[in-house]
Amino acid sequence: MFLLYYGVIDFYIGFNAGIKAFTAAVLGGIGSLPGAVLGGLLIGLIEAFWSGYATVAYKDVAVYSILAIVLMFMPSGLLGRHEVEKV
């Protein structure tokens, strides 16, 4: 599919998609499938609204900034659970 769209295959062709998928999993909460889905939807909405209202060149910066803000206040993600560590 990428070859038909871009016309070239590169070693890093899936890097951006992989980073976005990992960001969606972290944003939603590691280990939570509904959280990963919610994180993916939020990333898609953030990119779409940012591209519509601001410059497209900084849509990745907006996504990673939102991720940093969410992780500052909710370190386990949006739907992640706090784990109690037994000693």
PDB file of N, CA and C in Angstrom:
ATOM      1  N   MET A   1       0.826  -1.178   0.000  1.00  0.00           N
ATOM      2  CA  MET A   1       0.000   0.000   0.000  1.00  0.00           C
ATOM      3  C   MET A   1       0.882   1.258   0.000  1.00  0.00           C
ATOM      4  N   PHE A   2       1.932   1.255   0.824  1.00  0.00           N
ATOM      5  CA  PHE A   2       2.824   2.413   0.863  1.00  0.00           C
ATOM      6  C   PHE A   2       3.529   2.602  -0.470  1.00  0.00           C
ATOM      7  N   LEU A   3       3.927   1.494  -1.088  1.00  0.00           N
ATOM      8  CA  LEU A   3       4.630   1.577  -2.363  1.00  0.00           C
ATOM      9  C   LEU A   3       3.731   2.186  -3.433  1.00  0.00           C
ATOM     10  N   LEU A   4       2.472   1.795  -3.439  1.00  0.00           N
ATOM     11  CA  LEU A   4       1.562   2.357  -4.431  1.00  0.00           C
ATOM     12  C   LEU A   4       1.314   3.847  -4.186  1.00  0.00           C
ATOM     13  N   TYR A   5       1.276   4.248  -2.935  1.00  0.00           N
ATOM     14  CA  TYR A   5       1.002   5.645  -2.619  1.00  0.00           C
ATOM     15  C   TYR A   5       2.227   6.528  -2.794  1.00  0.00           C
ATOM     16  N   TYR A   6       3.362   6.108  -2.223  1.00  0.00           N
ATOM     17  CA  TYR A   6       4.563   6.938  -2.239  1.00  0.00           C
ATOM     18  C   TYR A   6       5.486   6.635  -3.417  1.00  0.00           C
ATOM     19  N   GLY A   7       5.435   5.423  -3.945  1.00  0.00           N
ATOM     20  CA  GLY A   7       6.266   5.066  -5.081  1.00  0.00           C
ATOM     21  C   GLY A   7       7.679   4.648  -4.715  1.00  0.00           C
ATOM     22  N   VAL A   8       7.973   4.500  -3.435  1.00  0.00           N
ATOM     23  CA  VAL A   8       9.305   4.110  -3.007  1.00  0.00           C
ATOM     24  C   VAL A   8       9.186   3.351  -1.679  1.00  0.00           C
ATOM     25  N   ILE A   9      10.080   2.407  -1.471  1.00  0.00           N
ATOM     26  CA  ILE A   9      10.143   1.698  -0.197  1.00  0.00           C
ATOM     27  C   ILE A   9      11.430   2.114   0.488  1.00  0.00           C
ATOM     28  N   ASP A  10      11.310   2.459   1.759  1.00  0.00           N
ATOM     29  CA  ASP A  10      12.444   2.913   2.541  1.00  0.00           C
ATOM     30  C   ASP A  10      12.492   2.110   3.835  1.00  0.00           C
ATOM     31  N   PHE A  11      13.648   2.076   4.469  1.00  0.00           N
ATOM     32  CA  PHE A  11      13.803   1.354   5.728  1.00  0.00           C
ATOM     33  C   PHE A  11      12.951   1.972   6.818  1.00  0.00           C
ATOM     34  N   TYR A  12      12.781   3.276   6.820  1.00  0.00           N
ATOM     35  CA  TYR A  12      12.056   3.982   7.873  1.00  0.00           C
ATOM     36  C   TYR A  12      10.606   4.279   7.515  1.00  0.00           C
ATOM     37  N   ILE A  13      10.019   3.540   6.576  1.00  0.00           N
ATOM     38  CA  ILE A  13       8.688   3.886   6.094  1.00  0.00           C
ATOM     39  C   ILE A  13       7.608   3.656   7.157  1.00  0.00           C
ATOM     40  N   GLY A  14       7.805   2.727   8.085  1.00  0.00           N
ATOM     41  CA  GLY A  14       6.816   2.490   9.122  1.00  0.00           C
ATOM     42  C   GLY A  14       7.179   3.096  10.461  1.00  0.00           C
ATOM     43  N   PHE A  15       8.265   3.859  10.509  1.00  0.00           N
ATOM     44  CA  PHE A  15       8.731   4.408  11.777  1.00  0.00           C
ATOM     45  C   PHE A  15       7.725   5.368  12.376  1.00  0.00           C
ATOM     46  N   ASN A  16       7.198   6.277  11.587  1.00  0.00           N
ATOM     47  CA  ASN A  16       6.246   7.269  12.090  1.00  0.00           C
ATOM     48  C   ASN A  16       4.960   6.597  12.580  1.00  0.00           C
ATOM     49  N   ALA A  17       4.482   5.602  11.842  1.00  0.00           N
ATOM     50  CA  ALA A  17       3.278   4.888  12.276  1.00  0.00           C
ATOM     51  C   ALA A  17       3.534   4.115  13.563  1.00  0.00           C
ATOM     52  N   GLY A  18       4.716   3.538  13.714  1.00  0.00           N
ATOM     53  CA  GLY A  18       5.059   2.811  14.930  1.00  0.00           C
ATOM     54  C   GLY A  18       5.157   3.721  16.135  1.00  0.00           C
ATOM     55  N   ILE A  19       5.749   4.888  15.949  1.00  0.00           N
ATOM     56  CA  ILE A  19       5.851   5.853  17.045  1.00  0.00           C
ATOM     57  C   ILE A  19       4.463   6.345  17.451  1.00  0.00           C
ATOM     58  N   LYS A  20       3.590   6.569  16.475  1.00  0.00           N
ATOM     59  CA  LYS A  20       2.230   7.008  16.800  1.00  0.00           C
ATOM     60  C   LYS A  20       1.463   5.897  17.527  1.00  0.00           C
ATOM     61  N   ALA A  21       1.649   4.645  17.137  1.00  0.00           N
ATOM     62  CA  ALA A  21       0.969   3.536  17.812  1.00  0.00           C
ATOM     63  C   ALA A  21       1.463   3.394  19.246  1.00  0.00           C
ATOM     64  N   PHE A  22       2.765   3.520  19.461  1.00  0.00           N
ATOM     65  CA  PHE A  22       3.307   3.455  20.814  1.00  0.00           C
ATOM     66  C   PHE A  22       2.803   4.631  21.654  1.00  0.00           C
ATOM     67  N   THR A  23       2.718   5.801  21.054  1.00  0.00           N
ATOM     68  CA  THR A  23       2.199   6.979  21.750  1.00  0.00           C
ATOM     69  C   THR A  23       0.737   6.773  22.134  1.00  0.00           C
ATOM     70  N   ALA A  24      -0.044   6.161  21.249  1.00  0.00           N
ATOM     71  CA  ALA A  24      -1.453   5.896  21.557  1.00  0.00           C
ATOM     72  C   ALA A  24      -1.577   4.921  22.722  1.00  0.00           C
ATOM     73  N   ALA A  25      -0.717   3.891  22.756  1.00  0.00           N
ATOM     74  CA  ALA A  25      -0.760   2.929  23.854  1.00  0.00           C
ATOM     75  C   ALA A  25      -0.355   3.573  25.170  1.00  0.00           C
ATOM     76  N   VAL A  26       0.652   4.419  25.151  1.00  0.00           N
ATOM     77  CA  VAL A  26       1.092   5.091  26.375  1.00  0.00           C
ATOM     78  C   VAL A  26       0.053   6.112  26.831  1.00  0.00           C
ATOM     79  N   LEU A  27      -0.530   6.836  25.910  1.00  0.00           N
ATOM     80  CA  LEU A  27      -1.535   7.839  26.246  1.00  0.00           C
ATOM     81  C   LEU A  27      -2.761   7.184  26.884  1.00  0.00           C
ATOM     82  N   GLY A  28      -3.200   6.061  26.339  1.00  0.00           N
ATOM     83  CA  GLY A  28      -4.364   5.376  26.883  1.00  0.00           C
ATOM     84  C   GLY A  28      -4.072   4.594  28.139  1.00  0.00           C
ATOM     85  N   GLY A  29      -2.841   4.144  28.305  1.00  0.00           N
ATOM     86  CA  GLY A  29      -2.463   3.335  29.463  1.00  0.00           C
ATOM     87  C   GLY A  29      -1.912   2.002  28.992  1.00  0.00           C
ATOM     88  N   ILE A  30      -0.688   1.722  29.355  1.00  0.00           N
ATOM     89  CA  ILE A  30      -0.062   0.461  28.951  1.00  0.00           C
ATOM     90  C   ILE A  30      -0.817  -0.700  29.596  1.00  0.00           C
ATOM     91  N   GLY A  31      -1.149  -1.694  28.803  1.00  0.00           N
ATOM     92  CA  GLY A  31      -1.863  -2.863  29.308  1.00  0.00           C
ATOM     93  C   GLY A  31      -3.366  -2.745  29.224  1.00  0.00           C
ATOM     94  N   SER A  32      -3.872  -1.657  28.740  1.00  0.00           N
ATOM     95  CA  SER A  32      -5.312  -1.459  28.636  1.00  0.00           C
ATOM     96  C   SER A  32      -5.692  -1.334  27.166  1.00  0.00           C
ATOM     97  N   LEU A  33      -6.372  -2.335  26.644  1.00  0.00           N
ATOM     98  CA  LEU A  33      -6.782  -2.298  25.235  1.00  0.00           C
ATOM     99  C   LEU A  33      -7.781  -1.176  24.954  1.00  0.00           C
ATOM    100  N   PRO A  34      -8.808  -0.980  25.784  1.00  0.00           N
ATOM    101  CA  PRO A  34      -9.685   0.174  25.543  1.00  0.00           C
ATOM    102  C   PRO A  34      -8.941   1.501  25.651  1.00  0.00           C
ATOM    103  N   GLY A  35      -7.942   1.561  26.518  1.00  0.00           N
ATOM    104  CA  GLY A  35      -7.141   2.771  26.640  1.00  0.00           C
ATOM    105  C   GLY A  35      -6.332   3.045  25.383  1.00  0.00           C
ATOM    106  N   ALA A  36      -5.787   1.987  24.776  1.00  0.00           N
ATOM    107  CA  ALA A  36      -5.032   2.160  23.535  1.00  0.00           C
ATOM    108  C   ALA A  36      -5.935   2.638  22.406  1.00  0.00           C
ATOM    109  N   VAL A  37      -7.155   2.112  22.367  1.00  0.00           N
ATOM    110  CA  VAL A  37      -8.121   2.558  21.351  1.00  0.00           C
ATOM    111  C   VAL A  37      -8.484   4.023  21.584  1.00  0.00           C
ATOM    112  N   LEU A  38      -8.727   4.378  22.841  1.00  0.00           N
ATOM    113  CA  LEU A  38      -9.031   5.766  23.167  1.00  0.00           C
ATOM    114  C   LEU A  38      -7.853   6.678  22.837  1.00  0.00           C
ATOM    115  N   GLY A  39      -6.639   6.230  23.133  1.00  0.00           N
ATOM    116  CA  GLY A  39      -5.449   7.010  22.800  1.00  0.00           C
ATOM    117  C   GLY A  39      -5.305   7.214  21.302  1.00  0.00           C
ATOM    118  N   GLY A  40      -5.572   6.177  20.514  1.00  0.00           N
ATOM    119  CA  GLY A  40      -5.508   6.304  19.059  1.00  0.00           C
ATOM    120  C   GLY A  40      -6.545   7.270  18.519  1.00  0.00           C
ATOM    121  N   LEU A  41      -7.745   7.198  19.066  1.00  0.00           N
ATOM    122  CA  LEU A  41      -8.787   8.143  18.634  1.00  0.00           C
ATOM    123  C   LEU A  41      -8.428   9.578  19.008  1.00  0.00           C
ATOM    124  N   LEU A  42      -7.882   9.771  20.206  1.00  0.00           N
ATOM    125  CA  LEU A  42      -7.485  11.116  20.608  1.00  0.00           C
ATOM    126  C   LEU A  42      -6.359  11.660  19.739  1.00  0.00           C
ATOM    127  N   ILE A  43      -5.395  10.804  19.401  1.00  0.00           N
ATOM    128  CA  ILE A  43      -4.304  11.247  18.523  1.00  0.00           C
ATOM    129  C   ILE A  43      -4.845  11.637  17.155  1.00  0.00           C
ATOM    130  N   GLY A  44      -5.768  10.846  16.625  1.00  0.00           N
ATOM    131  CA  GLY A  44      -6.375  11.188  15.343  1.00  0.00           C
ATOM    132  C   GLY A  44      -7.142  12.494  15.382  1.00  0.00           C
ATOM    133  N   LEU A  45      -7.898  12.701  16.460  1.00  0.00           N
ATOM    134  CA  LEU A  45      -8.654  13.954  16.589  1.00  0.00           C
ATOM    135  C   LEU A  45      -7.733  15.150  16.774  1.00  0.00           C
ATOM    136  N   ILE A  46      -6.686  14.987  17.585  1.00  0.00           N
ATOM    137  CA  ILE A  46      -5.747  16.094  17.786  1.00  0.00           C
ATOM    138  C   ILE A  46      -5.088  16.480  16.468  1.00  0.00           C
ATOM    139  N   GLU A  47      -4.651  15.474  15.697  1.00  0.00           N
ATOM    140  CA  GLU A  47      -4.009  15.770  14.413  1.00  0.00           C
ATOM    141  C   GLU A  47      -4.979  16.424  13.439  1.00  0.00           C
ATOM    142  N   ALA A  48      -6.207  15.945  13.415  1.00  0.00           N
ATOM    143  CA  ALA A  48      -7.187  16.507  12.474  1.00  0.00           C
ATOM    144  C   ALA A  48      -7.532  17.949  12.823  1.00  0.00           C
ATOM    145  N   PHE A  49      -7.804  18.210  14.098  1.00  0.00           N
ATOM    146  CA  PHE A  49      -8.143  19.575  14.494  1.00  0.00           C
ATOM    147  C   PHE A  49      -6.949  20.505  14.365  1.00  0.00           C
ATOM    148  N   TRP A  50      -5.750  20.013  14.708  1.00  0.00           N
ATOM    149  CA  TRP A  50      -4.561  20.857  14.591  1.00  0.00           C
ATOM    150  C   TRP A  50      -4.311  21.199  13.122  1.00  0.00           C
ATOM    151  N   SER A  51      -4.483  20.231  12.229  1.00  0.00           N
ATOM    152  CA  SER A  51      -4.265  20.485  10.805  1.00  0.00           C
ATOM    153  C   SER A  51      -5.308  21.445  10.243  1.00  0.00           C
ATOM    154  N   GLY A  52      -6.496  21.442  10.820  1.00  0.00           N
ATOM    155  CA  GLY A  52      -7.542  22.337  10.342  1.00  0.00           C
ATOM    156  C   GLY A  52      -7.410  23.757  10.838  1.00  0.00           C
ATOM    157  N   TYR A  53      -6.910  23.916  12.054  1.00  0.00           N
ATOM    158  CA  TYR A  53      -6.881  25.244  12.662  1.00  0.00           C
ATOM    159  C   TYR A  53      -5.502  25.874  12.746  1.00  0.00           C
ATOM    160  N   ALA A  54      -4.448  25.092  12.588  1.00  0.00           N
ATOM    161  CA  ALA A  54      -3.088  25.620  12.673  1.00  0.00           C
ATOM    162  C   ALA A  54      -2.267  25.004  11.547  1.00  0.00           C
ATOM    163  N   THR A  55      -0.985  25.252  11.562  1.00  0.00           N
ATOM    164  CA  THR A  55      -0.138  24.741  10.495  1.00  0.00           C
ATOM    165  C   THR A  55       0.075  23.232  10.611  1.00  0.00           C
ATOM    166  N   VAL A  56       0.082  22.562   9.482  1.00  0.00           N
ATOM    167  CA  VAL A  56       0.183  21.107   9.436  1.00  0.00           C
ATOM    168  C   VAL A  56       1.570  20.633   9.866  1.00  0.00           C
ATOM    169  N   ALA A  57       2.574  21.471   9.716  1.00  0.00           N
ATOM    170  CA  ALA A  57       3.945  21.067   9.998  1.00  0.00           C
ATOM    171  C   ALA A  57       4.163  20.741  11.474  1.00  0.00           C
ATOM    172  N   TYR A  58       3.336  21.279  12.361  1.00  0.00           N
ATOM    173  CA  TYR A  58       3.530  21.084  13.790  1.00  0.00           C
ATOM    174  C   TYR A  58       2.509  20.143  14.420  1.00  0.00           C
ATOM    175  N   LYS A  59       1.838  19.303  13.632  1.00  0.00           N
ATOM    176  CA  LYS A  59       0.836  18.408  14.212  1.00  0.00           C
ATOM    177  C   LYS A  59       1.475  17.339  15.084  1.00  0.00           C
ATOM    178  N   ASP A  60       2.678  16.875  14.751  1.00  0.00           N
ATOM    179  CA  ASP A  60       3.363  15.899  15.595  1.00  0.00           C
ATOM    180  C   ASP A  60       3.798  16.526  16.915  1.00  0.00           C
ATOM    181  N   VAL A  61       4.218  17.772  16.870  1.00  0.00           N
ATOM    182  CA  VAL A  61       4.598  18.483  18.094  1.00  0.00           C
ATOM    183  C   VAL A  61       3.390  18.611  19.011  1.00  0.00           C
ATOM    184  N   ALA A  62       2.230  18.873  18.460  1.00  0.00           N
ATOM    185  CA  ALA A  62       1.013  18.987  19.265  1.00  0.00           C
ATOM    186  C   ALA A  62       0.674  17.661  19.932  1.00  0.00           C
ATOM    187  N   VAL A  63       0.789  16.563  19.197  1.00  0.00           N
ATOM    188  CA  VAL A  63       0.471  15.243  19.751  1.00  0.00           C
ATOM    189  C   VAL A  63       1.413  14.899  20.898  1.00  0.00           C
ATOM    190  N   TYR A  64       2.703  15.100  20.700  1.00  0.00           N
ATOM    191  CA  TYR A  64       3.661  14.732  21.734  1.00  0.00           C
ATOM    192  C   TYR A  64       3.595  15.691  22.919  1.00  0.00           C
ATOM    193  N   SER A  65       3.188  16.923  22.695  1.00  0.00           N
ATOM    194  CA  SER A  65       2.997  17.855  23.805  1.00  0.00           C
ATOM    195  C   SER A  65       1.810  17.432  24.667  1.00  0.00           C
ATOM    196  N   ILE A  66       0.724  17.023  24.034  1.00  0.00           N
ATOM    197  CA  ILE A  66      -0.438  16.528  24.772  1.00  0.00           C
ATOM    198  C   ILE A  66      -0.058  15.278  25.548  1.00  0.00           C
ATOM    199  N   LEU A  67       0.739  14.405  24.947  1.00  0.00           N
ATOM    200  CA  LEU A  67       1.200  13.201  25.644  1.00  0.00           C
ATOM    201  C   LEU A  67       2.007  13.569  26.877  1.00  0.00           C
ATOM    202  N   ALA A  68       2.908  14.521  26.753  1.00  0.00           N
ATOM    203  CA  ALA A  68       3.731  14.931  27.889  1.00  0.00           C
ATOM    204  C   ALA A  68       2.866  15.528  28.992  1.00  0.00           C
ATOM    205  N   ILE A  69       1.878  16.332  28.635  1.00  0.00           N
ATOM    206  CA  ILE A  69       1.006  16.946  29.636  1.00  0.00           C
ATOM    207  C   ILE A  69       0.175  15.891  30.353  1.00  0.00           C
ATOM    208  N   VAL A  70      -0.375  14.937  29.600  1.00  0.00           N
ATOM    209  CA  VAL A  70      -1.176  13.881  30.221  1.00  0.00           C
ATOM    210  C   VAL A  70      -0.310  13.039  31.147  1.00  0.00           C
ATOM    211  N   LEU A  71       0.902  12.701  30.736  1.00  0.00           N
ATOM    212  CA  LEU A  71       1.762  11.870  31.574  1.00  0.00           C
ATOM    213  C   LEU A  71       2.285  12.609  32.798  1.00  0.00           C
ATOM    214  N   MET A  72       2.323  13.928  32.773  1.00  0.00           N
ATOM    215  CA  MET A  72       2.715  14.673  33.967  1.00  0.00           C
ATOM    216  C   MET A  72       1.661  14.556  35.061  1.00  0.00           C
ATOM    217  N   PHE A  73       0.401  14.602  34.666  1.00  0.00           N
ATOM    218  CA  PHE A  73      -0.674  14.586  35.653  1.00  0.00           C
ATOM    219  C   PHE A  73      -1.256  13.194  35.888  1.00  0.00           C
ATOM    220  N   MET A  74      -1.160  12.313  34.904  1.00  0.00           N
ATOM    221  CA  MET A  74      -1.653  10.939  35.028  1.00  0.00           C
ATOM    222  C   MET A  74      -0.574   9.992  34.500  1.00  0.00           C
ATOM    223  N   PRO A  75       0.397   9.624  35.324  1.00  0.00           N
ATOM    224  CA  PRO A  75       1.537   8.831  34.841  1.00  0.00           C
ATOM    225  C   PRO A  75       1.172   7.453  34.296  1.00  0.00           C
ATOM    226  N   SER A  76       0.033   6.914  34.674  1.00  0.00           N
ATOM    227  CA  SER A  76      -0.353   5.606  34.170  1.00  0.00           C
ATOM    228  C   SER A  76      -1.192   5.689  32.900  1.00  0.00           C
ATOM    229  N   GLY A  77      -1.432   6.873  32.373  1.00  0.00           N
ATOM    230  CA  GLY A  77      -2.235   7.046  31.168  1.00  0.00           C
ATOM    231  C   GLY A  77      -3.678   7.372  31.520  1.00  0.00           C
ATOM    232  N   LEU A  78      -4.504   7.463  30.512  1.00  0.00           N
ATOM    233  CA  LEU A  78      -5.898   7.849  30.741  1.00  0.00           C
ATOM    234  C   LEU A  78      -6.709   6.747  31.415  1.00  0.00           C
ATOM    235  N   LEU A  79      -6.570   5.504  30.966  1.00  0.00           N
ATOM    236  CA  LEU A  79      -7.336   4.403  31.542  1.00  0.00           C
ATOM    237  C   LEU A  79      -6.454   3.389  32.261  1.00  0.00           C
ATOM    238  N   GLY A  80      -5.224   3.731  32.520  1.00  0.00           N
ATOM    239  CA  GLY A  80      -4.315   2.822  33.208  1.00  0.00           C
ATOM    240  C   GLY A  80      -4.599   2.782  34.696  1.00  0.00           C
ATOM    241  N   ARG A  81      -4.143   1.690  35.326  1.00  0.00           N
ATOM    242  CA  ARG A  81      -4.348   1.524  36.765  1.00  0.00           C
ATOM    243  C   ARG A  81      -3.022   1.685  37.488  1.00  0.00           C
ATOM    244  N   HIS A  82      -3.081   2.196  38.694  1.00  0.00           N
ATOM    245  CA  HIS A  82      -1.895   2.271  39.534  1.00  0.00           C
ATOM    246  C   HIS A  82      -1.631   0.883  40.111  1.00  0.00           C
ATOM    247  N   GLU A  83      -0.420   0.431  40.011  1.00  0.00           N
ATOM    248  CA  GLU A  83      -0.079  -0.871  40.560  1.00  0.00           C
ATOM    249  C   GLU A  83       0.585  -0.691  41.915  1.00  0.00           C
ATOM    250  N   VAL A  84       0.130  -1.496  42.866  1.00  0.00           N
ATOM    251  CA  VAL A  84       0.699  -1.467  44.203  1.00  0.00           C
ATOM    252  C   VAL A  84       1.906  -2.398  44.207  1.00  0.00           C
ATOM    253  N   GLU A  85       3.031  -1.883  44.643  1.00  0.00           N
ATOM    254  CA  GLU A  85       4.244  -2.674  44.655  1.00  0.00           C
ATOM    255  C   GLU A  85       4.414  -3.308  46.026  1.00  0.00           C
ATOM    256  N   LYS A  86       4.459  -4.642  46.047  1.00  0.00           N
ATOM    257  CA  LYS A  86       4.618  -5.367  47.310  1.00  0.00           C
ATOM    258  C   LYS A  86       6.102  -5.629  47.534  1.00  0.00           C
ATOM    259  N   VAL A  87       6.512  -5.431  48.757  1.00  0.00           N
ATOM    260  CA  VAL A  87       7.921  -5.634  49.087  1.00  0.00           C
ATOM    261  C   VAL A  87       8.064  -6.828  50.003  1.00  0.00           C
TER     262      VAL A  87
END
